[in-house]
Amino acid sequence: MSATVHIVDDEESLRDSLAFLFASRGIAARVWPSGEAMLAAWPLADCGCLILDVRMEGMSGPQLLDALQALPGQPLVPPVIFLTGHADVPLAVQSLKSGAFDFVEKPFNDNHIVDIALSAMAAHAGRLAEAQVRDAVAARRASLSAREAEVMALMLEGLMNKQIADSLGIAMRTVEVHRSRVLAKMGARNIADLARMIS
């Protein structure tokens, strides 16, 4: 599924012009008349980034970002780009500290906002890929038995098989079996590979 830019603005002409701009660059865009409307449809599986007006009737852009970040069990919130008038710059700067990707002052340069959106979507794709790797590693760790988890922890401390056997009070051959299973279940080629995976 290709990533879509979701535009939330209560000004119809601005929504339509932005949607046309992105379409002209071959980027899928979807428009929303309010933060409430978009929030009601959340989560959006195709969302690559959000462009939110800072000031809107009803829920403001920053309030929408806060609401998304506060949702329980929330996956990664896509990058948010705020559209702001000159008087809203301090608010937009505060929003950056709250997790916004960037803000763009009106009137904006068409190429500039598209470039920022492309950067935001690339960053989001990278974060999603990292999250998938972390989830996969967590799932592999969860598949380890209690003893295998103990052996892995000692492996990562740099202990040799005999030291692990002495520490756990088990035979060295048993450690070798557990060590082999740990590497197989974790999908690691060797201890160095395992250490990079867990770090």
N, C-alpha and C. Protein backbone atom coordinates (compact mmCIF):
# COMPACT_ATOMS: atom_id res chain seq x y z
N MET A 1 0.85 -1.19 0.00
CA MET A 1 0.00 0.00 0.00
C MET A 1 0.89 1.24 0.00
N SER A 2 0.65 2.17 -0.92
CA SER A 2 1.46 3.37 -0.99
C SER A 2 1.04 4.34 0.11
N ALA A 3 2.01 5.11 0.59
CA ALA A 3 1.74 6.06 1.66
C ALA A 3 0.94 7.25 1.12
N THR A 4 0.04 7.74 1.96
CA THR A 4 -0.83 8.85 1.59
C THR A 4 -0.58 10.02 2.54
N VAL A 5 -0.60 11.22 1.97
CA VAL A 5 -0.55 12.44 2.77
C VAL A 5 -1.99 12.78 3.17
N HIS A 6 -2.23 12.91 4.45
CA HIS A 6 -3.56 13.28 4.93
C HIS A 6 -3.54 14.74 5.36
N ILE A 7 -4.44 15.52 4.77
CA ILE A 7 -4.47 16.97 4.97
C ILE A 7 -5.71 17.33 5.77
N VAL A 8 -5.50 17.98 6.90
CA VAL A 8 -6.62 18.39 7.75
C VAL A 8 -6.64 19.91 7.84
N ASP A 9 -7.68 20.51 7.26
CA ASP A 9 -7.80 21.97 7.27
C ASP A 9 -9.28 22.32 7.11
N ASP A 10 -9.73 23.32 7.83
CA ASP A 10 -11.15 23.69 7.73
C ASP A 10 -11.42 24.65 6.58
N GLU A 11 -10.37 25.00 5.83
CA GLU A 11 -10.53 25.86 4.65
C GLU A 11 -10.52 25.00 3.39
N GLU A 12 -11.68 24.89 2.76
CA GLU A 12 -11.84 23.98 1.63
C GLU A 12 -10.88 24.28 0.49
N SER A 13 -10.70 25.55 0.18
CA SER A 13 -9.85 25.90 -0.95
C SER A 13 -8.40 25.48 -0.71
N LEU A 14 -7.94 25.59 0.53
CA LEU A 14 -6.58 25.19 0.84
C LEU A 14 -6.44 23.67 0.78
N ARG A 15 -7.43 22.97 1.31
CA ARG A 15 -7.42 21.50 1.23
C ARG A 15 -7.33 21.05 -0.22
N ASP A 16 -8.17 21.63 -1.06
CA ASP A 16 -8.22 21.20 -2.46
C ASP A 16 -6.94 21.55 -3.20
N SER A 17 -6.38 22.72 -2.92
CA SER A 17 -5.15 23.12 -3.63
C SER A 17 -3.98 22.23 -3.21
N LEU A 18 -3.92 21.86 -1.94
CA LEU A 18 -2.85 20.97 -1.48
C LEU A 18 -3.01 19.57 -2.07
N ALA A 19 -4.24 19.08 -2.10
CA ALA A 19 -4.49 17.76 -2.69
C ALA A 19 -4.08 17.75 -4.16
N PHE A 20 -4.41 18.82 -4.88
CA PHE A 20 -4.04 18.92 -6.30
C PHE A 20 -2.52 18.98 -6.44
N LEU A 21 -1.87 19.75 -5.55
CA LEU A 21 -0.40 19.87 -5.59
C LEU A 21 0.26 18.51 -5.44
N PHE A 22 -0.16 17.75 -4.44
CA PHE A 22 0.46 16.44 -4.23
C PHE A 22 0.14 15.47 -5.37
N ALA A 23 -1.09 15.53 -5.86
CA ALA A 23 -1.45 14.66 -6.98
C ALA A 23 -0.60 14.96 -8.21
N SER A 24 -0.29 16.25 -8.40
CA SER A 24 0.52 16.64 -9.56
C SER A 24 1.95 16.12 -9.46
N ARG A 25 2.37 15.76 -8.23
CA ARG A 25 3.71 15.19 -8.01
C ARG A 25 3.64 13.67 -7.85
N GLY A 26 2.47 13.10 -8.13
CA GLY A 26 2.32 11.65 -8.06
C GLY A 26 2.22 11.11 -6.65
N ILE A 27 1.80 11.96 -5.71
CA ILE A 27 1.70 11.55 -4.30
C ILE A 27 0.23 11.50 -3.91
N ALA A 28 -0.21 10.37 -3.39
CA ALA A 28 -1.60 10.23 -2.97
C ALA A 28 -1.90 11.16 -1.80
N ALA A 29 -3.07 11.81 -1.84
CA ALA A 29 -3.47 12.72 -0.76
C ALA A 29 -4.96 12.54 -0.47
N ARG A 30 -5.30 12.70 0.78
CA ARG A 30 -6.70 12.64 1.20
C ARG A 30 -6.96 13.83 2.11
N VAL A 31 -8.12 14.45 1.96
CA VAL A 31 -8.40 15.66 2.74
C VAL A 31 -9.49 15.41 3.77
N TRP A 32 -9.40 16.18 4.86
CA TRP A 32 -10.35 16.11 5.95
C TRP A 32 -10.75 17.53 6.35
N PRO A 33 -12.05 17.78 6.59
CA PRO A 33 -12.49 19.13 6.93
C PRO A 33 -12.25 19.52 8.38
N SER A 34 -11.92 18.52 9.23
CA SER A 34 -11.72 18.83 10.65
C SER A 34 -10.90 17.73 11.31
N GLY A 35 -10.32 18.09 12.45
CA GLY A 35 -9.58 17.10 13.22
C GLY A 35 -10.50 16.01 13.73
N GLU A 36 -11.71 16.41 14.11
CA GLU A 36 -12.68 15.44 14.63
C GLU A 36 -13.01 14.38 13.58
N ALA A 37 -13.16 14.80 12.32
CA ALA A 37 -13.51 13.87 11.25
C ALA A 37 -12.38 12.85 11.02
N MET A 38 -11.15 13.35 11.03
CA MET A 38 -10.04 12.42 10.82
C MET A 38 -9.87 11.48 12.01
N LEU A 39 -10.01 12.01 13.21
CA LEU A 39 -9.85 11.21 14.41
C LEU A 39 -10.89 10.09 14.47
N ALA A 40 -12.10 10.36 13.98
CA ALA A 40 -13.16 9.36 13.98
C ALA A 40 -12.83 8.19 13.05
N ALA A 41 -12.02 8.46 12.03
CA ALA A 41 -11.66 7.41 11.06
C ALA A 41 -10.34 6.72 11.40
N TRP A 42 -9.68 7.18 12.47
CA TRP A 42 -8.38 6.65 12.85
C TRP A 42 -8.53 5.24 13.40
N PRO A 43 -7.57 4.31 13.15
CA PRO A 43 -6.28 4.50 12.48
C PRO A 43 -6.39 4.40 10.96
N LEU A 44 -5.49 5.08 10.28
CA LEU A 44 -5.45 5.10 8.82
C LEU A 44 -4.21 4.32 8.37
N ALA A 45 -4.43 3.14 7.84
CA ALA A 45 -3.32 2.23 7.52
C ALA A 45 -2.37 2.81 6.48
N ASP A 46 -2.87 3.72 5.64
CA ASP A 46 -2.03 4.22 4.54
C ASP A 46 -1.34 5.54 4.86
N CYS A 47 -1.45 6.00 6.11
CA CYS A 47 -0.99 7.36 6.44
C CYS A 47 0.53 7.45 6.50
N GLY A 48 1.09 8.23 5.56
CA GLY A 48 2.54 8.45 5.53
C GLY A 48 2.94 9.70 6.29
N CYS A 49 2.07 10.71 6.29
CA CYS A 49 2.28 11.90 7.10
C CYS A 49 0.98 12.69 7.17
N LEU A 50 0.92 13.58 8.13
CA LEU A 50 -0.25 14.43 8.35
C LEU A 50 0.15 15.89 8.16
N ILE A 51 -0.68 16.63 7.42
CA ILE A 51 -0.50 18.08 7.32
C ILE A 51 -1.70 18.70 8.03
N LEU A 52 -1.44 19.39 9.12
CA LEU A 52 -2.51 19.94 9.96
C LEU A 52 -2.40 21.45 10.06
N ASP A 53 -3.52 22.12 9.90
CA ASP A 53 -3.54 23.55 10.16
C ASP A 53 -3.49 23.75 11.67
N VAL A 54 -2.72 24.74 12.11
CA VAL A 54 -2.61 24.98 13.54
C VAL A 54 -3.94 25.45 14.11
N ARG A 55 -4.59 26.40 13.42
CA ARG A 55 -5.85 26.95 13.93
C ARG A 55 -7.01 26.51 13.02
N MET A 56 -7.97 25.81 13.63
CA MET A 56 -9.16 25.38 12.90
C MET A 56 -10.37 25.53 13.81
N GLU A 57 -11.55 25.57 13.21
CA GLU A 57 -12.77 25.53 14.00
C GLU A 57 -12.81 24.19 14.73
N GLY A 58 -13.20 24.19 15.98
CA GLY A 58 -13.21 22.95 16.73
C GLY A 58 -11.80 22.58 17.16
N MET A 59 -11.43 21.32 16.94
CA MET A 59 -10.12 20.82 17.36
C MET A 59 -9.00 21.46 16.55
N SER A 60 -8.01 22.00 17.24
CA SER A 60 -6.87 22.61 16.55
C SER A 60 -5.89 21.52 16.13
N GLY A 61 -4.92 21.90 15.30
CA GLY A 61 -3.90 20.94 14.88
C GLY A 61 -3.14 20.35 16.05
N PRO A 62 -2.60 21.20 16.96
CA PRO A 62 -1.89 20.65 18.13
C PRO A 62 -2.77 19.75 19.00
N GLN A 63 -4.05 20.11 19.14
CA GLN A 63 -4.96 19.26 19.93
C GLN A 63 -5.15 17.90 19.27
N LEU A 64 -5.21 17.89 17.93
CA LEU A 64 -5.34 16.63 17.22
C LEU A 64 -4.09 15.76 17.42
N LEU A 65 -2.91 16.38 17.35
CA LEU A 65 -1.67 15.63 17.58
C LEU A 65 -1.67 15.05 18.99
N ASP A 66 -2.06 15.86 19.97
CA ASP A 66 -2.12 15.37 21.36
C ASP A 66 -3.08 14.19 21.48
N ALA A 67 -4.23 14.29 20.80
CA ALA A 67 -5.24 13.23 20.88
C ALA A 67 -4.71 11.93 20.27
N LEU A 68 -3.99 12.05 19.16
CA LEU A 68 -3.43 10.86 18.50
C LEU A 68 -2.36 10.21 19.39
N GLN A 69 -1.53 11.04 19.99
CA GLN A 69 -0.45 10.51 20.84
C GLN A 69 -1.00 9.87 22.11
N ALA A 70 -2.20 10.28 22.52
CA ALA A 70 -2.78 9.77 23.77
C ALA A 70 -3.62 8.52 23.57
N LEU A 71 -3.86 8.11 22.31
CA LEU A 71 -4.69 6.93 22.07
C LEU A 71 -4.02 5.69 22.65
N PRO A 72 -4.80 4.84 23.36
CA PRO A 72 -4.21 3.63 23.93
C PRO A 72 -3.80 2.64 22.84
N GLY A 73 -2.69 1.96 23.07
CA GLY A 73 -2.23 0.98 22.10
C GLY A 73 -1.88 1.57 20.75
N GLN A 74 -1.55 2.85 20.77
CA GLN A 74 -1.30 3.59 19.53
C GLN A 74 -0.02 3.12 18.85
N PRO A 75 -0.11 2.70 17.57
CA PRO A 75 1.12 2.46 16.83
C PRO A 75 1.84 3.80 16.59
N LEU A 76 2.91 3.77 15.89
CA LEU A 76 3.66 5.00 15.64
C LEU A 76 2.78 6.05 14.98
N VAL A 77 2.69 7.23 15.59
CA VAL A 77 1.94 8.32 14.98
C VAL A 77 2.75 8.84 13.80
N PRO A 78 2.14 8.94 12.62
CA PRO A 78 2.87 9.44 11.46
C PRO A 78 3.39 10.86 11.71
N PRO A 79 4.43 11.27 10.99
CA PRO A 79 4.96 12.62 11.16
C PRO A 79 3.89 13.67 10.88
N VAL A 80 3.93 14.74 11.67
CA VAL A 80 2.97 15.83 11.52
C VAL A 80 3.69 17.10 11.06
N ILE A 81 3.15 17.69 10.01
CA ILE A 81 3.63 18.98 9.52
C ILE A 81 2.53 19.99 9.78
N PHE A 82 2.85 21.04 10.51
CA PHE A 82 1.85 22.06 10.82
C PHE A 82 1.92 23.21 9.81
N LEU A 83 0.73 23.64 9.38
CA LEU A 83 0.62 24.87 8.59
C LEU A 83 0.27 25.99 9.56
N THR A 84 1.02 27.08 9.47
CA THR A 84 0.83 28.13 10.46
C THR A 84 0.93 29.52 9.86
N GLY A 85 0.13 30.42 10.40
CA GLY A 85 0.25 31.84 10.08
C GLY A 85 1.38 32.43 10.91
N HIS A 86 1.83 33.61 10.57
CA HIS A 86 2.97 34.21 11.26
C HIS A 86 2.75 34.29 12.77
N ALA A 87 1.53 34.63 13.19
CA ALA A 87 1.26 34.81 14.62
C ALA A 87 1.31 33.49 15.39
N ASP A 88 1.26 32.38 14.66
CA ASP A 88 1.22 31.07 15.31
C ASP A 88 2.60 30.42 15.45
N VAL A 89 3.65 31.13 15.03
CA VAL A 89 4.98 30.52 15.04
C VAL A 89 5.39 30.02 16.43
N PRO A 90 5.20 30.80 17.51
CA PRO A 90 5.58 30.26 18.83
C PRO A 90 4.84 28.97 19.17
N LEU A 91 3.57 28.89 18.80
CA LEU A 91 2.79 27.68 19.05
C LEU A 91 3.34 26.52 18.22
N ALA A 92 3.71 26.82 16.98
CA ALA A 92 4.26 25.78 16.12
C ALA A 92 5.60 25.27 16.65
N VAL A 93 6.42 26.18 17.16
CA VAL A 93 7.71 25.79 17.74
C VAL A 93 7.48 24.89 18.95
N GLN A 94 6.49 25.23 19.77
CA GLN A 94 6.16 24.39 20.91
C GLN A 94 5.71 23.01 20.46
N SER A 95 5.00 22.97 19.33
CA SER A 95 4.52 21.70 18.81
C SER A 95 5.67 20.81 18.36
N LEU A 96 6.75 21.41 17.87
CA LEU A 96 7.93 20.63 17.50
C LEU A 96 8.48 19.89 18.72
N LYS A 97 8.44 20.57 19.86
CA LYS A 97 8.91 19.94 21.10
C LYS A 97 7.98 18.80 21.53
N SER A 98 6.74 18.85 21.06
CA SER A 98 5.76 17.82 21.41
C SER A 98 5.75 16.68 20.41
N GLY A 99 6.65 16.73 19.43
CA GLY A 99 6.76 15.61 18.51
C GLY A 99 6.41 15.90 17.06
N ALA A 100 6.08 17.15 16.72
CA ALA A 100 5.78 17.45 15.32
C ALA A 100 7.06 17.34 14.48
N PHE A 101 6.91 17.01 13.22
CA PHE A 101 8.06 16.86 12.32
C PHE A 101 8.59 18.21 11.87
N ASP A 102 7.68 19.12 11.52
CA ASP A 102 8.10 20.44 11.00
C ASP A 102 6.88 21.35 10.97
N PHE A 103 7.12 22.62 10.71
CA PHE A 103 6.00 23.52 10.45
C PHE A 103 6.34 24.42 9.28
N VAL A 104 5.29 24.81 8.55
CA VAL A 104 5.45 25.61 7.34
C VAL A 104 4.57 26.85 7.46
N GLU A 105 5.18 28.00 7.27
CA GLU A 105 4.43 29.24 7.36
C GLU A 105 3.67 29.51 6.06
N LYS A 106 2.46 30.04 6.22
CA LYS A 106 1.68 30.48 5.06
C LYS A 106 2.08 31.92 4.74
N PRO A 107 2.07 32.30 3.47
CA PRO A 107 1.91 31.43 2.29
C PRO A 107 3.19 30.63 2.09
N PHE A 108 3.06 29.41 1.61
CA PHE A 108 4.21 28.53 1.50
C PHE A 108 4.58 28.28 0.05
N ASN A 109 5.82 27.88 -0.13
CA ASN A 109 6.31 27.49 -1.45
C ASN A 109 5.89 26.05 -1.72
N ASP A 110 5.28 25.83 -2.89
CA ASP A 110 4.75 24.49 -3.21
C ASP A 110 5.81 23.41 -3.13
N ASN A 111 6.96 23.66 -3.76
CA ASN A 111 8.02 22.65 -3.77
C ASN A 111 8.54 22.38 -2.36
N HIS A 112 8.57 23.43 -1.54
CA HIS A 112 9.08 23.30 -0.18
C HIS A 112 8.21 22.35 0.64
N ILE A 113 6.90 22.53 0.57
CA ILE A 113 6.02 21.68 1.39
C ILE A 113 6.01 20.24 0.89
N VAL A 114 6.11 20.06 -0.41
CA VAL A 114 6.17 18.69 -0.95
C VAL A 114 7.46 18.01 -0.51
N ASP A 115 8.57 18.74 -0.56
CA ASP A 115 9.86 18.17 -0.14
C ASP A 115 9.83 17.77 1.34
N ILE A 116 9.23 18.62 2.17
CA ILE A 116 9.12 18.30 3.60
C ILE A 116 8.27 17.06 3.80
N ALA A 117 7.16 16.98 3.07
CA ALA A 117 6.28 15.81 3.19
C ALA A 117 7.00 14.54 2.76
N LEU A 118 7.77 14.61 1.69
CA LEU A 118 8.53 13.44 1.24
C LEU A 118 9.56 13.01 2.29
N SER A 119 10.23 13.98 2.91
CA SER A 119 11.19 13.67 3.97
C SER A 119 10.49 13.03 5.16
N ALA A 120 9.31 13.57 5.49
CA ALA A 120 8.55 13.04 6.62
C ALA A 120 8.12 11.60 6.36
N MET A 121 7.66 11.32 5.14
CA MET A 121 7.21 9.97 4.82
C MET A 121 8.38 8.99 4.81
N ALA A 122 9.54 9.44 4.34
CA ALA A 122 10.72 8.57 4.34
C ALA A 122 11.13 8.26 5.78
N ALA A 123 11.09 9.27 6.64
CA ALA A 123 11.45 9.07 8.05
C ALA A 123 10.47 8.10 8.71
N HIS A 124 9.20 8.24 8.39
CA HIS A 124 8.18 7.37 8.99
C HIS A 124 8.36 5.92 8.52
N ALA A 125 8.66 5.75 7.25
CA ALA A 125 8.89 4.40 6.72
C ALA A 125 10.07 3.75 7.43
N GLY A 126 11.11 4.54 7.69
CA GLY A 126 12.27 4.01 8.41
C GLY A 126 11.92 3.61 9.83
N ARG A 127 11.12 4.44 10.51
CA ARG A 127 10.71 4.13 11.89
C ARG A 127 9.84 2.88 11.92
N LEU A 128 8.95 2.73 10.94
CA LEU A 128 8.11 1.54 10.88
C LEU A 128 8.95 0.28 10.69
N ALA A 129 9.95 0.37 9.81
CA ALA A 129 10.82 -0.78 9.57
C ALA A 129 11.57 -1.16 10.85
N GLU A 130 12.07 -0.15 11.58
CA GLU A 130 12.78 -0.42 12.84
C GLU A 130 11.84 -1.06 13.86
N ALA A 131 10.59 -0.57 13.91
CA ALA A 131 9.62 -1.12 14.85
C ALA A 131 9.30 -2.57 14.52
N GLN A 132 9.23 -2.89 13.23
CA GLN A 132 8.97 -4.27 12.82
C GLN A 132 10.11 -5.19 13.23
N VAL A 133 11.34 -4.70 13.10
CA VAL A 133 12.50 -5.49 13.52
C VAL A 133 12.45 -5.72 15.03
N ARG A 134 12.16 -4.66 15.79
CA ARG A 134 12.08 -4.79 17.25
C ARG A 134 11.00 -5.78 17.65
N ASP A 135 9.85 -5.70 16.98
CA ASP A 135 8.75 -6.62 17.29
C ASP A 135 9.14 -8.06 16.98
N ALA A 136 9.85 -8.25 15.87
CA ALA A 136 10.28 -9.60 15.49
C ALA A 136 11.26 -10.17 16.51
N VAL A 137 12.20 -9.33 16.97
CA VAL A 137 13.17 -9.78 17.97
C VAL A 137 12.45 -10.10 19.28
N ALA A 138 11.49 -9.27 19.66
CA ALA A 138 10.73 -9.52 20.90
C ALA A 138 9.96 -10.83 20.81
N ALA A 139 9.40 -11.11 19.64
CA ALA A 139 8.66 -12.36 19.46
C ALA A 139 9.59 -13.57 19.55
N ARG A 140 10.79 -13.43 19.00
CA ARG A 140 11.76 -14.53 19.09
C ARG A 140 12.19 -14.75 20.54
N ARG A 141 12.42 -13.66 21.26
CA ARG A 141 12.80 -13.79 22.67
C ARG A 141 11.70 -14.48 23.45
N ALA A 142 10.47 -14.15 23.14
CA ALA A 142 9.34 -14.74 23.86
C ALA A 142 9.23 -16.25 23.60
N SER A 143 9.82 -16.70 22.49
CA SER A 143 9.75 -18.13 22.17
C SER A 143 10.78 -18.95 22.94
N LEU A 144 11.72 -18.29 23.63
CA LEU A 144 12.74 -19.00 24.39
C LEU A 144 12.15 -19.59 25.67
N SER A 145 12.63 -20.75 26.04
CA SER A 145 12.23 -21.31 27.33
C SER A 145 12.92 -20.50 28.43
N ALA A 146 12.49 -20.69 29.66
CA ALA A 146 13.11 -19.97 30.78
C ALA A 146 14.60 -20.28 30.86
N ARG A 147 14.97 -21.54 30.68
CA ARG A 147 16.38 -21.93 30.75
C ARG A 147 17.17 -21.33 29.58
N GLU A 148 16.58 -21.34 28.40
CA GLU A 148 17.25 -20.75 27.24
C GLU A 148 17.48 -19.25 27.45
N ALA A 149 16.51 -18.59 28.07
CA ALA A 149 16.66 -17.16 28.34
C ALA A 149 17.80 -16.92 29.33
N GLU A 150 17.93 -17.81 30.32
CA GLU A 150 19.04 -17.70 31.28
C GLU A 150 20.38 -17.88 30.58
N VAL A 151 20.44 -18.89 29.73
CA VAL A 151 21.69 -19.16 29.00
C VAL A 151 22.03 -17.98 28.10
N MET A 152 21.01 -17.42 27.41
CA MET A 152 21.27 -16.28 26.52
C MET A 152 21.82 -15.09 27.31
N ALA A 153 21.25 -14.82 28.47
CA ALA A 153 21.72 -13.70 29.28
C ALA A 153 23.20 -13.87 29.65
N LEU A 154 23.59 -15.09 30.00
CA LEU A 154 24.99 -15.34 30.35
C LEU A 154 25.89 -15.32 29.11
N MET A 155 25.36 -15.79 27.97
CA MET A 155 26.11 -15.69 26.72
C MET A 155 26.43 -14.23 26.42
N LEU A 156 25.43 -13.37 26.61
CA LEU A 156 25.60 -11.95 26.30
C LEU A 156 26.54 -11.26 27.28
N GLU A 157 26.74 -11.88 28.45
CA GLU A 157 27.72 -11.34 29.40
C GLU A 157 29.14 -11.77 29.04
N GLY A 158 29.24 -12.64 28.02
CA GLY A 158 30.55 -13.07 27.55
C GLY A 158 31.07 -14.33 28.21
N LEU A 159 30.21 -15.04 28.98
CA LEU A 159 30.65 -16.26 29.64
C LEU A 159 30.81 -17.40 28.64
N MET A 160 31.81 -18.24 28.89
CA MET A 160 32.03 -19.42 28.07
C MET A 160 31.09 -20.54 28.53
N ASN A 161 30.98 -21.59 27.73
CA ASN A 161 30.05 -22.68 28.05
C ASN A 161 30.28 -23.26 29.45
N LYS A 162 31.57 -23.51 29.80
CA LYS A 162 31.87 -24.10 31.11
C LYS A 162 31.44 -23.17 32.23
N GLN A 163 31.66 -21.86 32.05
CA GLN A 163 31.26 -20.89 33.07
C GLN A 163 29.75 -20.85 33.22
N ILE A 164 29.05 -20.93 32.09
CA ILE A 164 27.58 -20.94 32.13
C ILE A 164 27.11 -22.21 32.85
N ALA A 165 27.74 -23.34 32.53
CA ALA A 165 27.36 -24.61 33.17
C ALA A 165 27.56 -24.53 34.68
N ASP A 166 28.69 -23.98 35.10
CA ASP A 166 28.96 -23.85 36.54
C ASP A 166 27.97 -22.90 37.19
N SER A 167 27.66 -21.80 36.51
CA SER A 167 26.75 -20.80 37.07
C SER A 167 25.35 -21.36 37.25
N LEU A 168 24.90 -22.16 36.29
CA LEU A 168 23.53 -22.68 36.35
C LEU A 168 23.44 -24.08 36.97
N GLY A 169 24.60 -24.68 37.23
CA GLY A 169 24.61 -26.01 37.82
C GLY A 169 24.09 -27.08 36.89
N ILE A 170 24.45 -26.96 35.61
CA ILE A 170 24.02 -27.95 34.61
C ILE A 170 25.23 -28.44 33.84
N ALA A 171 25.05 -29.53 33.11
CA ALA A 171 26.16 -30.09 32.34
C ALA A 171 26.54 -29.19 31.18
N MET A 172 27.82 -29.19 30.82
CA MET A 172 28.28 -28.36 29.71
C MET A 172 27.61 -28.77 28.40
N ARG A 173 27.38 -30.07 28.24
CA ARG A 173 26.69 -30.53 27.03
C ARG A 173 25.30 -29.92 26.95
N THR A 174 24.63 -29.78 28.09
CA THR A 174 23.29 -29.17 28.13
C THR A 174 23.38 -27.70 27.72
N VAL A 175 24.42 -27.03 28.17
CA VAL A 175 24.64 -25.62 27.79
C VAL A 175 24.81 -25.53 26.28
N GLU A 176 25.58 -26.44 25.71
CA GLU A 176 25.81 -26.41 24.27
C GLU A 176 24.50 -26.57 23.50
N VAL A 177 23.62 -27.44 23.99
CA VAL A 177 22.32 -27.63 23.35
C VAL A 177 21.49 -26.35 23.45
N HIS A 178 21.44 -25.78 24.67
CA HIS A 178 20.67 -24.54 24.86
C HIS A 178 21.24 -23.40 24.01
N ARG A 179 22.56 -23.31 23.97
CA ARG A 179 23.21 -22.25 23.19
C ARG A 179 22.83 -22.37 21.71
N SER A 180 22.85 -23.59 21.20
CA SER A 180 22.49 -23.82 19.80
C SER A 180 21.03 -23.44 19.55
N ARG A 181 20.16 -23.80 20.49
CA ARG A 181 18.74 -23.47 20.34
C ARG A 181 18.50 -21.97 20.41
N VAL A 182 19.22 -21.30 21.30
CA VAL A 182 19.08 -19.84 21.42
C VAL A 182 19.42 -19.16 20.09
N LEU A 183 20.56 -19.53 19.51
CA LEU A 183 20.97 -18.92 18.25
C LEU A 183 19.97 -19.23 17.14
N ALA A 184 19.46 -20.46 17.12
CA ALA A 184 18.50 -20.85 16.08
C ALA A 184 17.19 -20.09 16.23
N LYS A 185 16.67 -20.03 17.46
CA LYS A 185 15.39 -19.36 17.68
C LYS A 185 15.49 -17.85 17.45
N MET A 186 16.65 -17.27 17.79
CA MET A 186 16.82 -15.83 17.63
C MET A 186 17.21 -15.46 16.20
N GLY A 187 17.55 -16.46 15.39
CA GLY A 187 17.94 -16.17 14.02
C GLY A 187 19.29 -15.49 13.94
N ALA A 188 20.17 -15.82 14.90
CA ALA A 188 21.50 -15.21 14.95
C ALA A 188 22.54 -16.22 14.49
N ARG A 189 23.54 -15.76 13.75
CA ARG A 189 24.59 -16.64 13.25
C ARG A 189 25.60 -16.98 14.34
N ASN A 190 25.84 -16.00 15.23
CA ASN A 190 26.84 -16.19 16.29
C ASN A 190 26.53 -15.22 17.42
N ILE A 191 27.37 -15.24 18.45
CA ILE A 191 27.12 -14.40 19.62
C ILE A 191 27.20 -12.90 19.29
N ALA A 192 28.11 -12.53 18.37
CA ALA A 192 28.22 -11.13 17.99
C ALA A 192 26.92 -10.65 17.31
N ASP A 193 26.38 -11.52 16.45
CA ASP A 193 25.13 -11.22 15.75
C ASP A 193 24.00 -11.08 16.78
N LEU A 194 23.99 -11.98 17.77
CA LEU A 194 22.97 -11.93 18.81
C LEU A 194 23.07 -10.64 19.62
N ALA A 195 24.29 -10.25 19.95
CA ALA A 195 24.51 -9.03 20.74
C ALA A 195 24.02 -7.80 19.99
N ARG A 196 24.27 -7.74 18.69
CA ARG A 196 23.79 -6.60 17.88
C ARG A 196 22.27 -6.57 17.86
N MET A 197 21.68 -7.75 17.78
CA MET A 197 20.23 -7.86 17.72
C MET A 197 19.56 -7.37 18.99
N ILE A 198 20.15 -7.73 20.13
CA ILE A 198 19.55 -7.42 21.43
C ILE A 198 19.85 -6.00 21.89
N SER A 199 20.92 -5.40 21.39
CA SER A 199 21.33 -4.07 21.85
C SER A 199 20.29 -3.02 21.52
